[in-house]
C-alpha atoms as a PDB file:
ATOM      1  CA  MET A   1      82.646 104.075  97.413  1.00  0.00           C
ATOM      2  CA  GLY A   2      86.024 104.912  98.758  1.00  0.00           C
ATOM      3  CA  SER A   3      88.841 107.125  97.259  1.00  0.00           C
ATOM      4  CA  LEU A   4      90.824 105.869  94.448  1.00  0.00           C
ATOM      5  CA  VAL A   5      94.310 105.228  95.319  1.00  0.00           C
ATOM      6  CA  LEU A   6      97.409 104.517  92.894  1.00  0.00           C
ATOM      7  CA  ASN A   7     100.481 102.556  94.262  1.00  0.00           C
ATOM      8  CA  THR A   8     103.834 102.562  92.632  1.00  0.00           C
ATOM      9  CA  ARG A   9     105.652 100.298  94.706  1.00  0.00           C
ATOM     10  CA  PRO A  10     107.116  97.090  93.246  1.00  0.00           C
ATOM     11  CA  ASP A  11     105.184  93.946  93.330  1.00  0.00           C
ATOM     12  CA  THR A  12     107.345  92.213  95.606  1.00  0.00           C
ATOM     13  CA  ASP A  13     106.948  95.207  98.425  1.00  0.00           C
ATOM     14  CA  SER A  14     103.221  95.747  98.002  1.00  0.00           C
ATOM     15  CA  ALA A  15     101.372  92.911  99.868  1.00  0.00           C
ATOM     16  CA  ASP A  16     101.444  94.617 103.570  1.00  0.00           C
ATOM     17  CA  LEU A  17     100.111  98.046 101.653  1.00  0.00           C
ATOM     18  CA  LEU A  18      97.429  96.808  99.569  1.00  0.00           C
ATOM     19  CA  ALA A  19      96.242  94.965 102.601  1.00  0.00           C
ATOM     20  CA  GLU A  20      96.144  97.925 104.731  1.00  0.00           C
ATOM     21  CA  LEU A  21      94.529 100.231 101.762  1.00  0.00           C
ATOM     22  CA  ASN A  22      92.087  97.441 101.934  1.00  0.00           C
ATOM     23  CA  ARG A  23      91.560  97.560 105.585  1.00  0.00           C
ATOM     24  CA  ARG A  24      91.196 101.339 105.498  1.00  0.00           C
ATOM     25  CA  GLY A  25      88.372 101.328 102.950  1.00  0.00           C
ATOM     26  CA  TYR A  26      90.187 102.602  99.681  1.00  0.00           C
ATOM     27  CA  ARG A  27      89.972 101.242  96.318  1.00  0.00           C
ATOM     28  CA  HIS A  28      93.508 100.724  94.600  1.00  0.00           C
ATOM     29  CA  LEU A  29      95.418 100.364  91.243  1.00  0.00           C
ATOM     30  CA  SER A  30      99.102  99.458  90.999  1.00  0.00           C
ATOM     31  CA  ALA A  31     101.754 100.689  88.618  1.00  0.00           C
ATOM     32  CA  PRO A  32     104.839  99.271  89.973  1.00  0.00           C
ATOM     33  CA  MET A  33     107.483 101.621  88.424  1.00  0.00           C
ATOM     34  CA  LEU A  34     110.176  99.108  89.007  1.00  0.00           C
ATOM     35  CA  HIS A  35     110.482  95.395  88.291  1.00  0.00           C
ATOM     36  CA  ILE A  36     112.621  93.427  90.891  1.00  0.00           C
ATOM     37  CA  VAL A  37     114.805  90.902  89.385  1.00  0.00           C
ATOM     38  CA  LEU A  38     116.382  88.430  91.804  1.00  0.00           C
ATOM     39  CA  PRO A  39     119.266  86.173  91.476  1.00  0.00           C
ATOM     40  CA  ASP A  40     118.262  83.029  90.035  1.00  0.00           C
ATOM     41  CA  GLN A  41     121.323  81.067  90.925  1.00  0.00           C
ATOM     42  CA  ARG A  42     123.387  80.405  94.176  1.00  0.00           C
ATOM     43  CA  ILE A  43     126.429  82.291  95.191  1.00  0.00           C
ATOM     44  CA  SER A  44     128.565  81.305  97.581  1.00  0.00           C
ATOM     45  CA  VAL A  45     128.954  84.045 100.398  1.00  0.00           C
ATOM     46  CA  ASP A  46     131.398  83.479 103.208  1.00  0.00           C
ATOM     47  CA  THR A  47     129.585  85.657 105.900  1.00  0.00           C
ATOM     48  CA  SER A  48     132.415  84.645 108.411  1.00  0.00           C
ATOM     49  CA  ARG A  49     134.191  87.649 107.132  1.00  0.00           C
ATOM     50  CA  TYR A  50     131.493  90.259 108.176  1.00  0.00           C
ATOM     51  CA  GLN A  51     130.380  91.506 111.902  1.00  0.00           C
ATOM     52  CA  ALA A  52     126.842  92.119 110.288  1.00  0.00           C
ATOM     53  CA  LEU A  53     124.556  92.671 107.626  1.00  0.00           C
ATOM     54  CA  VAL A  54     122.926  95.830 106.356  1.00  0.00           C
ATOM     55  CA  PHE A  55     119.669  95.898 104.360  1.00  0.00           C
ATOM     56  CA  THR A  56     118.505  99.288 102.764  1.00  0.00           C
ATOM     57  CA  SER A  57     115.414  97.336 101.462  1.00  0.00           C
ATOM     58  CA  ALA A  58     112.891  94.214 101.996  1.00  0.00           C
ATOM     59  CA  ASN A  59     114.397  92.989  98.477  1.00  0.00           C
ATOM     60  CA  GLY A  60     118.013  93.056  99.672  1.00  0.00           C
ATOM     61  CA  VAL A  61     117.086  90.318 102.513  1.00  0.00           C
ATOM     62  CA  ARG A  62     115.122  88.425  99.816  1.00  0.00           C
ATOM     63  CA  ALA A  63     118.058  88.467  97.407  1.00  0.00           C
ATOM     64  CA  PHE A  64     120.551  87.523 100.347  1.00  0.00           C
ATOM     65  CA  ALA A  65     118.191  84.510 101.591  1.00  0.00           C
ATOM     66  CA  LYS A  66     118.817  83.137  97.945  1.00  0.00           C
ATOM     67  CA  LEU A  67     122.431  83.470  98.409  1.00  0.00           C
ATOM     68  CA  SER A  68     123.062  82.169 101.787  1.00  0.00           C
ATOM     69  CA  ASP A  69     121.442  80.522 104.596  1.00  0.00           C
ATOM     70  CA  ASP A  70     123.185  82.119 107.415  1.00  0.00           C
ATOM     71  CA  ARG A  71     120.881  83.811 109.730  1.00  0.00           C
ATOM     72  CA  THR A  72     123.233  84.319 112.681  1.00  0.00           C
ATOM     73  CA  LEU A  73     124.786  87.718 112.050  1.00  0.00           C
ATOM     74  CA  PRO A  74     122.888  91.012 113.139  1.00  0.00           C
ATOM     75  CA  ALA A  75     120.700  92.359 110.666  1.00  0.00           C
ATOM     76  CA  PHE A  76     120.800  96.105 110.442  1.00  0.00           C
ATOM     77  CA  CYS A  77     117.429  97.173 108.586  1.00  0.00           C
ATOM     78  CA  VAL A  78     116.320 100.535 107.315  1.00  0.00           C
ATOM     79  CA  GLY A  79     112.751 100.408 108.312  1.00  0.00           C
ATOM     80  CA  ASP A  80     110.412  98.176 109.953  1.00  0.00           C
ATOM     81  CA  ALA A  81     109.052  96.593 106.692  1.00  0.00           C
ATOM     82  CA  THR A  82     112.467  95.310 105.738  1.00  0.00           C
ATOM     83  CA  ALA A  83     112.705  94.268 109.518  1.00  0.00           C
ATOM     84  CA  ARG A  84     109.545  92.456 109.185  1.00  0.00           C
ATOM     85  CA  THR A  85     111.224  90.564 105.790  1.00  0.00           C
ATOM     86  CA  CYS A  86     114.255  89.828 108.124  1.00  0.00           C
ATOM     87  CA  LYS A  87     111.969  88.193 110.442  1.00  0.00           C
ATOM     88  CA  SER A  88     109.993  86.118 108.022  1.00  0.00           C
ATOM     89  CA  TYR A  89     113.547  84.663 106.970  1.00  0.00           C
ATOM     90  CA  GLY A  90     114.472  83.518 110.462  1.00  0.00           C
ATOM     91  CA  PHE A  91     116.843  86.209 111.386  1.00  0.00           C
ATOM     92  CA  ARG A  92     118.023  85.921 115.091  1.00  0.00           C
ATOM     93  CA  GLU A  93     118.879  89.532 115.651  1.00  0.00           C
ATOM     94  CA  ILE A  94     117.141  92.392 113.700  1.00  0.00           C
ATOM     95  CA  LEU A  95     117.687  95.846 114.628  1.00  0.00           C
ATOM     96  CA  SER A  96     115.396  98.765 112.783  1.00  0.00           C
ATOM     97  CA  ALA A  97     115.921 102.332 112.061  1.00  0.00           C
ATOM     98  CA  ASN A  98     112.473 102.626 111.398  1.00  0.00           C
ATOM     99  CA  GLY A  99     113.620 105.623 109.128  1.00  0.00           C
ATOM    100  CA  ASP A 100     115.466 106.324 106.350  1.00  0.00           C
ATOM    101  CA  ILE A 101     119.136 106.044 105.185  1.00  0.00           C
ATOM    102  CA  GLN A 102     120.803 108.877 107.545  1.00  0.00           C
ATOM    103  CA  ASP A 103     118.843 107.096 110.723  1.00  0.00           C
ATOM    104  CA  LEU A 104     120.284 103.634 109.373  1.00  0.00           C
ATOM    105  CA  ALA A 105     123.866 105.173 109.784  1.00  0.00           C
ATOM    106  CA  ALA A 106     123.051 106.670 113.122  1.00  0.00           C
ATOM    107  CA  LEU A 107     121.784 103.169 114.436  1.00  0.00           C
ATOM    108  CA  ILE A 108     125.017 101.269 112.960  1.00  0.00           C
ATOM    109  CA  ARG A 109     127.202 103.851 114.714  1.00  0.00           C
ATOM    110  CA  LYS A 110     125.307 103.529 118.035  1.00  0.00           C
ATOM    111  CA  LYS A 111     124.881  99.745 118.028  1.00  0.00           C
ATOM    112  CA  SER A 112     128.021  98.643 116.420  1.00  0.00           C
ATOM    113  CA  ASP A 113     132.062  99.145 116.618  1.00  0.00           C
ATOM    114  CA  PRO A 114     133.851  99.580 113.380  1.00  0.00           C
ATOM    115  CA  LYS A 115     136.798  97.886 114.611  1.00  0.00           C
ATOM    116  CA  ALA A 116     134.894  94.610 115.093  1.00  0.00           C
ATOM    117  CA  GLY A 117     134.960  94.174 111.141  1.00  0.00           C
ATOM    118  CA  THR A 118     133.422  94.277 107.900  1.00  0.00           C
ATOM    119  CA  ILE A 119     129.420  95.226 107.161  1.00  0.00           C
ATOM    120  CA  PHE A 120     127.961  93.458 104.411  1.00  0.00           C
ATOM    121  CA  HIS A 121     125.333  95.364 102.094  1.00  0.00           C
ATOM    122  CA  PRO A 122     123.538  93.224  99.662  1.00  0.00           C
ATOM    123  CA  ALA A 123     121.999  95.728  97.601  1.00  0.00           C
ATOM    124  CA  ALA A 124     120.335  96.808  93.990  1.00  0.00           C
ATOM    125  CA  ARG A 125     122.885  98.289  91.398  1.00  0.00           C
ATOM    126  CA  LYS A 126     121.373 101.744  92.443  1.00  0.00           C
ATOM    127  CA  THR A 127     120.736 102.763  95.921  1.00  0.00           C
ATOM    128  CA  ALA A 128     119.188 105.988  97.176  1.00  0.00           C
ATOM    129  CA  GLY A 129     122.340 107.141  98.835  1.00  0.00           C
ATOM    130  CA  ASP A 130     125.600 106.090  99.826  1.00  0.00           C
ATOM    131  CA  LEU A 131     125.947 104.351 103.016  1.00  0.00           C
ATOM    132  CA  GLY A 132     129.430 103.031 102.860  1.00  0.00           C
ATOM    133  CA  GLN A 133     130.529 106.729 102.075  1.00  0.00           C
ATOM    134  CA  MET A 134     128.586 107.909 105.086  1.00  0.00           C
ATOM    135  CA  LEU A 135     130.099 105.435 107.500  1.00  0.00           C
ATOM    136  CA  LEU A 136     133.484 105.828 106.278  1.00  0.00           C
ATOM    137  CA  VAL A 137     134.393 109.022 108.057  1.00  0.00           C
ATOM    138  CA  ASP A 138     133.754 106.933 111.319  1.00  0.00           C
ATOM    139  CA  GLY A 139     136.064 104.191 110.463  1.00  0.00           C
ATOM    140  CA  TYR A 140     133.316 101.577 109.107  1.00  0.00           C
ATOM    141  CA  GLN A 141     134.114  99.456 105.876  1.00  0.00           C
ATOM    142  CA  VAL A 142     130.955  98.572 103.905  1.00  0.00           C
ATOM    143  CA  ASP A 143     131.180  95.811 101.391  1.00  0.00           C
ATOM    144  CA  ARG A 144     128.285  96.566  99.057  1.00  0.00           C
ATOM    145  CA  GLN A 145     127.547  93.919  96.583  1.00  0.00           C
ATOM    146  CA  THR A 146     124.942  94.131  93.786  1.00  0.00           C
ATOM    147  CA  VAL A 147     122.388  90.966  94.405  1.00  0.00           C
ATOM    148  CA  TYR A 148     119.362  92.221  92.385  1.00  0.00           C
ATOM    149  CA  GLU A 149     118.686  94.724  89.839  1.00  0.00           C
ATOM    150  CA  ALA A 150     115.431  97.020  90.099  1.00  0.00           C
ATOM    151  CA  LYS A 151     114.676  97.790  86.624  1.00  0.00           C
ATOM    152  CA  GLU A 152     112.232 100.715  85.438  1.00  0.00           C
ATOM    153  CA  CYS A 153     108.989  99.996  83.964  1.00  0.00           C
ATOM    154  CA  ASP A 154     108.680 101.725  80.575  1.00  0.00           C
ATOM    155  CA  THR A 155     104.664 101.647  80.278  1.00  0.00           C
ATOM    156  CA  PHE A 156     101.634 102.074  82.907  1.00  0.00           C
ATOM    157  CA  PRO A 157      99.296  99.209  83.122  1.00  0.00           C
ATOM    158  CA  LYS A 158      96.042  99.705  80.600  1.00  0.00           C
ATOM    159  CA  ASP A 159      93.712 100.233  83.680  1.00  0.00           C
ATOM    160  CA  VAL A 160      95.928 103.000  84.928  1.00  0.00           C
ATOM    161  CA  MET A 161      96.305 104.826  81.975  1.00  0.00           C
ATOM    162  CA  HIS A 162      92.016 104.897  81.638  1.00  0.00           C
ATOM    163  CA  ALA A 163      91.863 106.019  85.080  1.00  0.00           C
ATOM    164  CA  ILE A 164      94.472 109.000  84.727  1.00  0.00           C
ATOM    165  CA  HIS A 165      92.900 110.245  81.685  1.00  0.00           C
ATOM    166  CA  GLN A 166      89.418 110.034  83.309  1.00  0.00           C
ATOM    167  CA  HIS A 167      90.709 111.770  86.300  1.00  0.00           C
ATOM    168  CA  HIS A 168      89.651 108.813  88.511  1.00  0.00           C
ATOM    169  CA  ILE A 169      92.712 108.747  90.741  1.00  0.00           C
ATOM    170  CA  ASP A 170      92.257 110.747  94.239  1.00  0.00           C
ATOM    171  CA  ALA A 171      95.862 110.192  94.990  1.00  0.00           C
ATOM    172  CA  VAL A 172      99.448 108.248  93.702  1.00  0.00           C
ATOM    173  CA  LEU A 173     101.383 106.939  96.669  1.00  0.00           C
ATOM    174  CA  PHE A 174     105.569 107.221  96.213  1.00  0.00           C
ATOM    175  CA  PHE A 175     107.853 105.230  98.678  1.00  0.00           C
ATOM    176  CA  SER A 176     111.232 106.113  96.920  1.00  0.00           C
ATOM    177  CA  PRO A 177     113.063 108.779  94.997  1.00  0.00           C
ATOM    178  CA  ARG A 178     113.587 106.489  91.894  1.00  0.00           C
ATOM    179  CA  THR A 179     109.808 105.159  91.688  1.00  0.00           C
ATOM    180  CA  ALA A 180     108.896 108.802  91.946  1.00  0.00           C
ATOM    181  CA  GLU A 181     111.408 109.484  89.087  1.00  0.00           C
ATOM    182  CA  THR A 182     110.317 106.651  86.863  1.00  0.00           C
ATOM    183  CA  PHE A 183     106.420 107.737  87.017  1.00  0.00           C
ATOM    184  CA  GLY A 184     107.428 111.246  86.017  1.00  0.00           C
ATOM    185  CA  LYS A 185     109.280 110.188  82.927  1.00  0.00           C
ATOM    186  CA  LEU A 186     106.386 108.159  82.237  1.00  0.00           C
ATOM    187  CA  VAL A 187     103.783 111.140  82.670  1.00  0.00           C
ATOM    188  CA  HIS A 188     105.980 113.366  80.236  1.00  0.00           C
ATOM    189  CA  SER A 189     106.293 110.417  77.874  1.00  0.00           C
ATOM    190  CA  TYR A 190     102.550 110.181  77.692  1.00  0.00           C
ATOM    191  CA  LYS A 191     101.856 113.522  77.725  1.00  0.00           C
ATOM    192  CA  LEU A 192      99.871 113.528  80.988  1.00  0.00           C
ATOM    193  CA  GLU A 193     101.127 116.293  82.959  1.00  0.00           C
ATOM    194  CA  LYS A 194      97.346 117.959  82.709  1.00  0.00           C
ATOM    195  CA  GLU A 195      95.641 115.137  83.850  1.00  0.00           C
ATOM    196  CA  LEU A 196      96.863 114.763  87.327  1.00  0.00           C
ATOM    197  CA  ALA A 197      95.682 118.428  88.316  1.00  0.00           C
ATOM    198  CA  GLY A 198      93.059 116.915  90.526  1.00  0.00           C
ATOM    199  CA  THR A 199      95.241 114.397  92.247  1.00  0.00           C
ATOM    200  CA  ASP A 200      97.156 114.421  95.203  1.00  0.00           C
ATOM    201  CA  ALA A 201     100.702 113.136  95.246  1.00  0.00           C
ATOM    202  CA  ILE A 202     101.521 111.514  98.772  1.00  0.00           C
ATOM    203  CA  CYS A 203     105.360 111.275  99.269  1.00  0.00           C
ATOM    204  CA  LEU A 204     107.739 109.392 102.067  1.00  0.00           C
ATOM    205  CA  SER A 205     110.147 111.876 102.009  1.00  0.00           C
ATOM    206  CA  GLN A 206     111.500 115.496 100.808  1.00  0.00           C
ATOM    207  CA  ALA A 207     113.841 113.438  98.595  1.00  0.00           C
ATOM    208  CA  VAL A 208     110.739 111.718  97.076  1.00  0.00           C
ATOM    209  CA  GLN A 209     108.743 114.647  96.551  1.00  0.00           C
ATOM    210  CA  SER A 210     111.569 116.345  94.517  1.00  0.00           C
ATOM    211  CA  LYS A 211     111.376 113.751  91.799  1.00  0.00           C
ATOM    212  CA  ILE A 212     107.730 114.780  90.960  1.00  0.00           C
ATOM    213  CA  SER A 213     107.713 118.350  91.865  1.00  0.00           C
ATOM    214  CA  ASP A 214     107.495 119.310  88.332  1.00  0.00           C
ATOM    215  CA  LEU A 215     104.458 117.549  87.587  1.00  0.00           C
ATOM    216  CA  THR A 216     101.105 119.908  88.089  1.00  0.00           C
ATOM    217  CA  TRP A 217      99.137 118.157  91.153  1.00  0.00           C
ATOM    218  CA  HIS A 218      96.313 119.109  93.116  1.00  0.00           C
ATOM    219  CA  ARG A 219      98.532 119.256  96.037  1.00  0.00           C
ATOM    220  CA  THR A 220     101.679 117.484  97.157  1.00  0.00           C
ATOM    221  CA  HIS A 221     102.506 115.965 100.818  1.00  0.00           C
ATOM    222  CA  VAL A 222     105.102 114.697 102.938  1.00  0.00           C
ATOM    223  CA  ALA A 223     105.231 112.328 105.436  1.00  0.00           C
ATOM    224  CA  SER A 224     106.672 113.642 108.598  1.00  0.00           C
ATOM    225  CA  GLN A 225     108.626 110.339 109.029  1.00  0.00           C
ATOM    226  CA  PRO A 226     109.753 108.156 106.474  1.00  0.00           C
ATOM    227  CA  THR A 227     107.486 105.190 107.195  1.00  0.00           C
ATOM    228  CA  GLN A 228     104.610 103.482 105.908  1.00  0.00           C
ATOM    229  CA  GLU A 229     102.449 104.181 108.908  1.00  0.00           C
ATOM    230  CA  TYR A 230     103.014 107.856 108.618  1.00  0.00           C
ATOM    231  CA  LEU A 231     102.574 107.853 104.898  1.00  0.00           C
ATOM    232  CA  LEU A 232      98.581 106.169 105.185  1.00  0.00           C
ATOM    233  CA  SER A 233      97.840 108.395 107.957  1.00  0.00           C
ATOM    234  CA  LEU A 234      99.055 111.292 105.810  1.00  0.00           C
ATOM    235  CA  LEU A 235      96.796 109.861 103.000  1.00  0.00           C
ATOM    236  CA  ASP A 236      93.854 109.674 105.405  1.00  0.00           C
ATOM    237  CA  GLN A 237      94.216 113.396 106.350  1.00  0.00           C
ATOM    238  CA  SER A 238      94.740 114.356 102.832  1.00  0.00           C
ATOM    239  CA  LEU A 239      91.488 112.787 101.512  1.00  0.00           C
ATOM    240  CA  SER A 240      89.356 113.096 104.432  1.00  0.00           C
END
């Protein structure tokens, strides 16, 4: 029987991950730490004002696709999962930073000209880092608009709570600082700090790891590059 892995990503981002966990022989449970709320009505977006789009999450792509039919603008994506979502919605020119927000800013500097116009950033109300501020010093104008909500969950599913109490979970996967922070809040709320002493935390980046560093883990691990592929390879190594 394979190791039991807990996924904390939102449901909208988990299909590829869970399929890959199945392929690798892991059992898994899910406790989405964020609930994604996409727009429920169409709002006009004048894309003629922009030279490009920038997406820091796949949910930003999904939300934009509900607001506009335009797929002609170049789409800068923070990572390959976001780029694949762009492809599924029919975007024609997709550029992936295959990394984090710093890598994304570097890609934009390399592949676009600030004099060519404003870049549109459809995003959640809360984001990890301020891309517009990063690029402002280089002369870029980034129009960030809130197009979806990522609401924090306030409870663990019953099956996950049972697995934590029984010390059945071998590893927890963390992909963003906010999901990790929300997980930590729930652990403290339910007084589960001692129940994770035999569990590994597998984190996408140091920024993610910092949000759960006050919890008692068996071990914590940080992927050498902030991608799902590297995170899962780290999972394999930690549980082998």
